[in-house]
C-alpha cells in the first residue's frame, strides 16, 4: 500500500499544512505590526482589544466549567494580541 493513498495520512498531512500556514500567517502579522506598527499601533491595539472583548462575550454563555471559562477570559484579556 502506498503511504500517500492512506486516508489517515492525508488527513494528518492536511492538518499539519493548515497549522503551519496559520502559524506563518500569525508570524507575518506580528512582523508587520513590529515594522509598520508605529503608524497603526493605536488602531491595531484597539481593534485587537475589541476582538478580544467580543471573544470573551462569546465564551461566557457556554455551558462549561467556570474555572475553564475564567482561565480563557483572563488569558484573552491580559494578552489581547495573542488572546483573541
PDB file of N, CA and C in Angstrom:
ATOM      1  N   UNK A   1       0.832  -1.196   0.000  1.00  0.00           N
ATOM      2  CA  UNK A   1       0.000   0.000   0.000  1.00  0.00           C
ATOM      3  C   UNK A   1       0.870   1.250   0.000  1.00  0.00           C
ATOM      4  N   UNK A   2       0.502   2.149  -0.824  1.00  0.00           N
ATOM      5  CA  UNK A   2       1.214   3.411  -0.887  1.00  0.00           C
ATOM      6  C   UNK A   2       0.823   4.278   0.307  1.00  0.00           C
ATOM      7  N   UNK A   3       1.811   4.875   0.955  1.00  0.00           N
ATOM      8  CA  UNK A   3       1.562   5.672   2.156  1.00  0.00           C
ATOM      9  C   UNK A   3       0.701   6.894   1.857  1.00  0.00           C
ATOM     10  N   UNK A   4       0.853   7.493   0.690  1.00  0.00           N
ATOM     11  CA  UNK A   4       0.083   8.687   0.347  1.00  0.00           C
ATOM     12  C   UNK A   4      -1.379   8.380   0.065  1.00  0.00           C
ATOM     13  N   UNK A   5      -1.711   7.132  -0.222  1.00  0.00           N
ATOM     14  CA  UNK A   5      -3.093   6.769  -0.511  1.00  0.00           C
ATOM     15  C   UNK A   5      -3.898   6.468   0.743  1.00  0.00           C
ATOM     16  N   UNK A   6      -3.249   6.366   1.871  1.00  0.00           N
ATOM     17  CA  UNK A   6      -3.977   6.061   3.100  1.00  0.00           C
ATOM     18  C   UNK A   6      -4.689   7.312   3.592  1.00  0.00           C
ATOM     19  N   UNK A   7      -5.949   7.135   3.998  1.00  0.00           N
ATOM     20  CA  UNK A   7      -6.780   8.274   4.389  1.00  0.00           C
ATOM     21  C   UNK A   7      -6.236   8.990   5.619  1.00  0.00           C
ATOM     22  N   UNK A   8      -5.775   8.247   6.600  1.00  0.00           N
ATOM     23  CA  UNK A   8      -5.293   8.880   7.828  1.00  0.00           C
ATOM     24  C   UNK A   8      -4.062   9.721   7.569  1.00  0.00           C
ATOM     25  N   UNK A   9      -3.211   9.272   6.647  1.00  0.00           N
ATOM     26  CA  UNK A   9      -2.000  10.032   6.332  1.00  0.00           C
ATOM     27  C   UNK A   9      -2.348  11.340   5.633  1.00  0.00           C
ATOM     28  N   UNK A  10      -3.302  11.291   4.714  1.00  0.00           N
ATOM     29  CA  UNK A  10      -3.711  12.507   4.013  1.00  0.00           C
ATOM     30  C   UNK A  10      -4.367  13.498   4.966  1.00  0.00           C
ATOM     31  N   UNK A  11      -5.206  12.993   5.861  1.00  0.00           N
ATOM     32  CA  UNK A  11      -5.855  13.881   6.826  1.00  0.00           C
ATOM     33  C   UNK A  11      -4.826  14.513   7.758  1.00  0.00           C
ATOM     34  N   UNK A  12      -3.874  13.725   8.222  1.00  0.00           N
ATOM     35  CA  UNK A  12      -2.823  14.255   9.092  1.00  0.00           C
ATOM     36  C   UNK A  12      -1.971  15.284   8.361  1.00  0.00           C
ATOM     37  N   UNK A  13      -1.656  15.012   7.114  1.00  0.00           N
ATOM     38  CA  UNK A  13      -0.840  15.929   6.325  1.00  0.00           C
ATOM     39  C   UNK A  13      -1.574  17.243   6.104  1.00  0.00           C
ATOM     40  N   UNK A  14      -2.885  17.183   5.803  1.00  0.00           N
ATOM     41  CA  UNK A  14      -3.659  18.403   5.588  1.00  0.00           C
ATOM     42  C   UNK A  14      -3.732  19.245   6.857  1.00  0.00           C
ATOM     43  N   UNK A  15      -3.905  18.598   8.004  1.00  0.00           N
ATOM     44  CA  UNK A  15      -3.953  19.340   9.260  1.00  0.00           C
ATOM     45  C   UNK A  15      -2.622  20.020   9.536  1.00  0.00           C
ATOM     46  N   UNK A  16      -1.542  19.306   9.323  1.00  0.00           N
ATOM     47  CA  UNK A  16      -0.226  19.893   9.572  1.00  0.00           C
ATOM     48  C   UNK A  16       0.045  21.071   8.650  1.00  0.00           C
ATOM     49  N   UNK A  17      -0.314  20.933   7.395  1.00  0.00           N
ATOM     50  CA  UNK A  17      -0.103  22.027   6.439  1.00  0.00           C
ATOM     51  C   UNK A  17      -0.936  23.231   6.848  1.00  0.00           C
ATOM     52  N   UNK A  18      -2.179  23.013   7.261  1.00  0.00           N
ATOM     53  CA  UNK A  18      -3.033  24.110   7.692  1.00  0.00           C
ATOM     54  C   UNK A  18      -2.454  24.807   8.919  1.00  0.00           C
ATOM     55  N   UNK A  19      -1.987  24.035   9.876  1.00  0.00           N
ATOM     56  CA  UNK A  19      -1.404  24.621  11.085  1.00  0.00           C
ATOM     57  C   UNK A  19      -0.144  25.404  10.747  1.00  0.00           C
ATOM     58  N   UNK A  20       0.693  24.868   9.891  1.00  0.00           N
ATOM     59  CA  UNK A  20       1.920  25.570   9.500  1.00  0.00           C
ATOM     60  C   UNK A  20       1.578  26.878   8.783  1.00  0.00           C
ATOM     61  N   UNK A  21       0.594  26.849   7.896  1.00  0.00           N
ATOM     62  CA  UNK A  21       0.200  28.075   7.193  1.00  0.00           C
ATOM     63  C   UNK A  21      -0.371  29.113   8.150  1.00  0.00           C
ATOM     64  N   UNK A  22      -1.178  28.679   9.113  1.00  0.00           N
ATOM     65  CA  UNK A  22      -1.725  29.626  10.089  1.00  0.00           C
ATOM     66  C   UNK A  22      -0.639  30.214  10.977  1.00  0.00           C
ATOM     67  N   UNK A  23       0.339  29.405  11.355  1.00  0.00           N
ATOM     68  CA  UNK A  23       1.457  29.929  12.149  1.00  0.00           C
ATOM     69  C   UNK A  23       2.282  30.933  11.353  1.00  0.00           C
ATOM     70  N   UNK A  24       2.519  30.645  10.087  1.00  0.00           N
ATOM     71  CA  UNK A  24       3.256  31.586   9.242  1.00  0.00           C
ATOM     72  C   UNK A  24       2.483  32.885   9.065  1.00  0.00           C
ATOM     73  N   UNK A  25       1.165  32.797   8.941  1.00  0.00           N
ATOM     74  CA  UNK A  25       0.338  33.990   8.837  1.00  0.00           C
ATOM     75  C   UNK A  25       0.417  34.823  10.113  1.00  0.00           C
ATOM     76  N   UNK A  26       0.392  34.163  11.259  1.00  0.00           N
ATOM     77  CA  UNK A  26       0.491  34.880  12.527  1.00  0.00           C
ATOM     78  C   UNK A  26       1.866  35.539  12.674  1.00  0.00           C
ATOM     79  N   UNK A  27       2.926  34.855  12.288  1.00  0.00           N
ATOM     80  CA  UNK A  27       4.268  35.427  12.357  1.00  0.00           C
ATOM     81  C   UNK A  27       4.378  36.624  11.419  1.00  0.00           C
ATOM     82  N   UNK A  28       3.811  36.512  10.226  1.00  0.00           N
ATOM     83  CA  UNK A  28       3.843  37.632   9.280  1.00  0.00           C
ATOM     84  C   UNK A  28       3.083  38.831   9.832  1.00  0.00           C
ATOM     85  N   UNK A  29       1.950  38.581  10.474  1.00  0.00           N
ATOM     86  CA  UNK A  29       1.169  39.668  11.062  1.00  0.00           C
ATOM     87  C   UNK A  29       1.954  40.341  12.186  1.00  0.00           C
ATOM     88  N   UNK A  30       2.586  39.560  13.035  1.00  0.00           N
ATOM     89  CA  UNK A  30       3.368  40.136  14.127  1.00  0.00           C
ATOM     90  C   UNK A  30       4.565  40.931  13.604  1.00  0.00           C
ATOM     91  N   UNK A  31       5.211  40.435  12.561  1.00  0.00           N
ATOM     92  CA  UNK A  31       6.316  41.193  11.959  1.00  0.00           C
ATOM     93  C   UNK A  31       5.811  42.496  11.349  1.00  0.00           C
ATOM     94  N   UNK A  32       4.658  42.456  10.707  1.00  0.00           N
ATOM     95  CA  UNK A  32       4.071  43.677  10.156  1.00  0.00           C
ATOM     96  C   UNK A  32       3.792  44.680  11.262  1.00  0.00           C
ATOM     97  N   UNK A  33       3.240  44.198  12.365  1.00  0.00           N
ATOM     98  CA  UNK A  33       2.945  45.091  13.488  1.00  0.00           C
ATOM     99  C   UNK A  33       4.236  45.689  14.044  1.00  0.00           C
ATOM    100  N   UNK A  34       5.290  44.905  14.134  1.00  0.00           N
ATOM    101  CA  UNK A  34       6.552  45.413  14.660  1.00  0.00           C
ATOM    102  C   UNK A  34       7.216  46.408  13.710  1.00  0.00           C
ATOM    103  N   UNK A  35       7.142  46.150  12.424  1.00  0.00           N
ATOM    104  CA  UNK A  35       7.831  47.009  11.457  1.00  0.00           C
ATOM    105  C   UNK A  35       7.000  48.246  11.105  1.00  0.00           C
ATOM    106  N   UNK A  36       5.763  48.044  10.737  1.00  0.00           N
ATOM    107  CA  UNK A  36       4.911  49.146  10.291  1.00  0.00           C
ATOM    108  C   UNK A  36       3.937  49.606  11.367  1.00  0.00           C
ATOM    109  N   UNK A  37       4.040  49.034  12.527  1.00  0.00           N
ATOM    110  CA  UNK A  37       3.062  49.296  13.565  1.00  0.00           C
ATOM    111  C   UNK A  37       3.148  50.660  14.208  1.00  0.00           C
ATOM    112  N   UNK A  38       4.217  51.388  13.985  1.00  0.00           N
ATOM    113  CA  UNK A  38       4.337  52.706  14.605  1.00  0.00           C
ATOM    114  C   UNK A  38       3.192  53.619  14.209  1.00  0.00           C
ATOM    115  N   UNK A  39       2.831  53.579  12.955  1.00  0.00           N
ATOM    116  CA  UNK A  39       1.749  54.439  12.474  1.00  0.00           C
ATOM    117  C   UNK A  39       0.376  53.877  12.812  1.00  0.00           C
ATOM    118  N   UNK A  40       0.286  52.581  12.824  1.00  0.00           N
ATOM    119  CA  UNK A  40      -1.022  51.952  13.003  1.00  0.00           C
ATOM    120  C   UNK A  40      -1.215  51.334  14.386  1.00  0.00           C
ATOM    121  N   UNK A  41      -0.269  51.537  15.277  1.00  0.00           N
ATOM    122  CA  UNK A  41      -0.296  50.802  16.538  1.00  0.00           C
ATOM    123  C   UNK A  41      -1.545  51.073  17.370  1.00  0.00           C
ATOM    124  N   UNK A  42      -1.999  52.297  17.426  1.00  0.00           N
ATOM    125  CA  UNK A  42      -3.185  52.602  18.224  1.00  0.00           C
ATOM    126  C   UNK A  42      -4.422  51.928  17.632  1.00  0.00           C
ATOM    127  N   UNK A  43      -4.588  52.001  16.324  1.00  0.00           N
ATOM    128  CA  UNK A  43      -5.751  51.374  15.684  1.00  0.00           C
ATOM    129  C   UNK A  43      -5.702  49.855  15.823  1.00  0.00           C
ATOM    130  N   UNK A  44      -4.530  49.284  15.651  1.00  0.00           N
ATOM    131  CA  UNK A  44      -4.387  47.830  15.786  1.00  0.00           C
ATOM    132  C   UNK A  44      -4.666  47.398  17.218  1.00  0.00           C
ATOM    133  N   UNK A  45      -4.147  48.162  18.182  1.00  0.00           N
ATOM    134  CA  UNK A  45      -4.362  47.822  19.584  1.00  0.00           C
ATOM    135  C   UNK A  45      -5.851  47.826  19.924  1.00  0.00           C
ATOM    136  N   UNK A  46      -6.561  48.867  19.526  1.00  0.00           N
ATOM    137  CA  UNK A  46      -7.984  48.944  19.839  1.00  0.00           C
ATOM    138  C   UNK A  46      -8.781  47.901  19.065  1.00  0.00           C
ATOM    139  N   UNK A  47      -8.372  47.604  17.857  1.00  0.00           N
ATOM    140  CA  UNK A  47      -9.045  46.551  17.097  1.00  0.00           C
ATOM    141  C   UNK A  47      -8.889  45.186  17.747  1.00  0.00           C
ATOM    142  N   UNK A  48      -7.674  44.873  18.194  1.00  0.00           N
ATOM    143  CA  UNK A  48      -7.445  43.598  18.866  1.00  0.00           C
ATOM    144  C   UNK A  48      -8.140  43.546  20.224  1.00  0.00           C
ATOM    145  N   UNK A  49      -8.189  44.668  20.922  1.00  0.00           N
ATOM    146  CA  UNK A  49      -8.896  44.709  22.205  1.00  0.00           C
ATOM    147  C   UNK A  49     -10.391  44.479  21.994  1.00  0.00           C
ATOM    148  N   UNK A  50     -10.960  45.105  20.974  1.00  0.00           N
ATOM    149  CA  UNK A  50     -12.375  44.898  20.669  1.00  0.00           C
ATOM    150  C   UNK A  50     -12.638  43.445  20.287  1.00  0.00           C
ATOM    151  N   UNK A  51     -11.755  42.882  19.484  1.00  0.00           N
ATOM    152  CA  UNK A  51     -11.884  41.475  19.096  1.00  0.00           C
ATOM    153  C   UNK A  51     -11.805  40.572  20.324  1.00  0.00           C
ATOM    154  N   UNK A  52     -10.909  40.874  21.249  1.00  0.00           N
ATOM    155  CA  UNK A  52     -10.775  40.081  22.473  1.00  0.00           C
ATOM    156  C   UNK A  52     -12.026  40.186  23.333  1.00  0.00           C
ATOM    157  N   UNK A  53     -12.591  41.378  23.434  1.00  0.00           N
ATOM    158  CA  UNK A  53     -13.821  41.537  24.214  1.00  0.00           C
ATOM    159  C   UNK A  53     -14.983  40.762  23.591  1.00  0.00           C
ATOM    160  N   UNK A  54     -15.075  40.783  22.272  1.00  0.00           N
ATOM    161  CA  UNK A  54     -16.110  40.005  21.600  1.00  0.00           C
ATOM    162  C   UNK A  54     -15.907  38.515  21.820  1.00  0.00           C
ATOM    163  N   UNK A  55     -14.662  38.089  21.828  1.00  0.00           N
ATOM    164  CA  UNK A  55     -14.352  36.685  22.088  1.00  0.00           C
ATOM    165  C   UNK A  55     -14.744  36.289  23.512  1.00  0.00           C
ATOM    166  N   UNK A  56     -14.476  37.175  24.467  1.00  0.00           N
ATOM    167  CA  UNK A  56     -14.852  36.913  25.859  1.00  0.00           C
ATOM    168  C   UNK A  56     -16.370  36.813  25.974  1.00  0.00           C
ATOM    169  N   UNK A  57     -17.081  37.692  25.300  1.00  0.00           N
ATOM    170  CA  UNK A  57     -18.539  37.658  25.341  1.00  0.00           C
ATOM    171  C   UNK A  57     -19.096  36.382  24.713  1.00  0.00           C
ATOM    172  N   UNK A  58     -18.362  35.771  23.803  1.00  0.00           N
ATOM    173  CA  UNK A  58     -18.821  34.505  23.226  1.00  0.00           C
ATOM    174  C   UNK A  58     -18.480  33.317  24.122  1.00  0.00           C
ATOM    175  N   UNK A  59     -17.493  33.461  24.997  1.00  0.00           N
ATOM    176  CA  UNK A  59     -17.103  32.380  25.899  1.00  0.00           C
ATOM    177  C   UNK A  59     -18.037  32.298  27.102  1.00  0.00           C
ATOM    178  N   UNK A  60     -18.470  33.431  27.612  1.00  0.00           N
ATOM    179  CA  UNK A  60     -19.240  33.480  28.855  1.00  0.00           C
ATOM    180  C   UNK A  60     -20.517  32.631  28.807  1.00  0.00           C
ATOM    181  N   UNK A  61     -21.348  32.683  27.765  1.00  0.00           N
ATOM    182  CA  UNK A  61     -22.591  31.906  27.819  1.00  0.00           C
ATOM    183  C   UNK A  61     -22.434  30.400  27.596  1.00  0.00           C
ATOM    184  N   UNK A  62     -21.239  29.911  27.288  1.00  0.00           N
ATOM    185  CA  UNK A  62     -21.053  28.480  27.035  1.00  0.00           C
ATOM    186  C   UNK A  62     -21.322  27.677  28.304  1.00  0.00           C
ATOM    187  N   UNK A  63     -21.759  26.456  28.128  1.00  0.00           N
ATOM    188  CA  UNK A  63     -22.079  25.579  29.243  1.00  0.00           C
ATOM    189  C   UNK A  63     -20.857  24.721  29.580  1.00  0.00           C
ATOM    190  N   UNK A  64     -19.875  25.331  30.185  1.00  0.00           N
ATOM    191  CA  UNK A  64     -18.679  24.622  30.606  1.00  0.00           C
ATOM    192  C   UNK A  64     -18.362  25.033  32.030  1.00  0.00           C
ATOM    193  N   UNK A  65     -17.358  24.397  32.617  1.00  0.00           N
ATOM    194  CA  UNK A  65     -16.989  24.711  33.994  1.00  0.00           C
ATOM    195  C   UNK A  65     -16.515  26.155  34.101  1.00  0.00           C
ATOM    196  N   UNK A  66     -16.827  26.761  35.247  1.00  0.00           N
ATOM    197  CA  UNK A  66     -16.469  28.159  35.467  1.00  0.00           C
ATOM    198  C   UNK A  66     -14.968  28.396  35.459  1.00  0.00           C
ATOM    199  N   UNK A  67     -14.209  27.460  36.022  1.00  0.00           N
ATOM    200  CA  UNK A  67     -12.750  27.629  36.063  1.00  0.00           C
ATOM    201  C   UNK A  67     -12.166  27.625  34.655  1.00  0.00           C
ATOM    202  N   UNK A  68     -12.705  26.786  33.800  1.00  0.00           N
ATOM    203  CA  UNK A  68     -12.227  26.724  32.419  1.00  0.00           C
ATOM    204  C   UNK A  68     -12.506  28.039  31.695  1.00  0.00           C
ATOM    205  N   UNK A  69     -13.723  28.551  31.851  1.00  0.00           N
ATOM    206  CA  UNK A  69     -14.078  29.819  31.210  1.00  0.00           C
ATOM    207  C   UNK A  69     -13.250  30.964  31.784  1.00  0.00           C
ATOM    208  N   UNK A  70     -13.059  30.972  33.095  1.00  0.00           N
ATOM    209  CA  UNK A  70     -12.288  32.036  33.729  1.00  0.00           C
ATOM    210  C   UNK A  70     -10.853  32.051  33.235  1.00  0.00           C
ATOM    211  N   UNK A  71     -10.262  30.869  33.080  1.00  0.00           N
ATOM    212  CA  UNK A  71      -8.897  30.781  32.564  1.00  0.00           C
ATOM    213  C   UNK A  71      -8.791  31.419  31.190  1.00  0.00           C
ATOM    214  N   UNK A  72      -9.736  31.118  30.299  1.00  0.00           N
ATOM    215  CA  UNK A  72      -9.700  31.680  28.956  1.00  0.00           C
ATOM    216  C   UNK A  72      -9.963  33.181  28.959  1.00  0.00           C
ATOM    217  N   UNK A  73     -10.901  33.617  29.778  1.00  0.00           N
ATOM    218  CA  UNK A  73     -11.228  35.045  29.833  1.00  0.00           C
ATOM    219  C   UNK A  73     -10.029  35.848  30.320  1.00  0.00           C
ATOM    220  N   UNK A  74      -9.373  35.380  31.368  1.00  0.00           N
ATOM    221  CA  UNK A  74      -8.204  36.092  31.903  1.00  0.00           C
ATOM    222  C   UNK A  74      -7.081  36.105  30.877  1.00  0.00           C
ATOM    223  N   UNK A  75      -6.842  34.973  30.234  1.00  0.00           N
ATOM    224  CA  UNK A  75      -5.774  34.904  29.232  1.00  0.00           C
ATOM    225  C   UNK A  75      -6.049  35.853  28.068  1.00  0.00           C
ATOM    226  N   UNK A  76      -7.264  35.889  27.598  1.00  0.00           N
ATOM    227  CA  UNK A  76      -7.605  36.749  26.458  1.00  0.00           C
ATOM    228  C   UNK A  76      -7.514  38.224  26.833  1.00  0.00           C
ATOM    229  N   UNK A  77      -7.962  38.577  28.020  1.00  0.00           N
ATOM    230  CA  UNK A  77      -7.955  39.989  28.395  1.00  0.00           C
ATOM    231  C   UNK A  77      -6.558  40.489  28.781  1.00  0.00           C
ATOM    232  N   UNK A  78      -5.710  39.629  29.302  1.00  0.00           N
ATOM    233  CA  UNK A  78      -4.362  40.060  29.666  1.00  0.00           C
ATOM    234  C   UNK A  78      -3.486  40.206  28.409  1.00  0.00           C
ATOM    235  N   UNK A  79      -3.646  39.302  27.470  1.00  0.00           N
ATOM    236  CA  UNK A  79      -2.833  39.321  26.250  1.00  0.00           C
ATOM    237  C   UNK A  79      -3.736  39.539  25.042  1.00  0.00           C
ATOM    238  N   UNK A  80      -4.170  40.772  24.772  1.00  0.00           N
ATOM    239  CA  UNK A  80      -5.110  40.975  23.662  1.00  0.00           C
ATOM    240  C   UNK A  80      -4.546  40.611  22.295  1.00  0.00           C
ATOM    241  N   UNK A  81      -3.242  40.722  22.118  1.00  0.00           N
ATOM    242  CA  UNK A  81      -2.669  40.375  20.803  1.00  0.00           C
ATOM    243  C   UNK A  81      -2.726  38.876  20.570  1.00  0.00           C
ATOM    244  N   UNK A  82      -2.364  38.089  21.591  1.00  0.00           N
ATOM    245  CA  UNK A  82      -2.328  36.643  21.431  1.00  0.00           C
ATOM    246  C   UNK A  82      -3.633  35.986  21.876  1.00  0.00           C
ATOM    247  N   UNK A  83      -4.359  36.628  22.781  1.00  0.00           N
ATOM    248  CA  UNK A  83      -5.571  36.025  23.334  1.00  0.00           C
ATOM    249  C   UNK A  83      -6.664  35.787  22.328  1.00  0.00           C
ATOM    250  N   UNK A  84      -6.975  36.794  21.540  1.00  0.00           N
ATOM    251  CA  UNK A  84      -8.047  36.646  20.561  1.00  0.00           C
ATOM    252  C   UNK A  84      -7.683  35.679  19.476  1.00  0.00           C
TER     253      UNK A  84
END
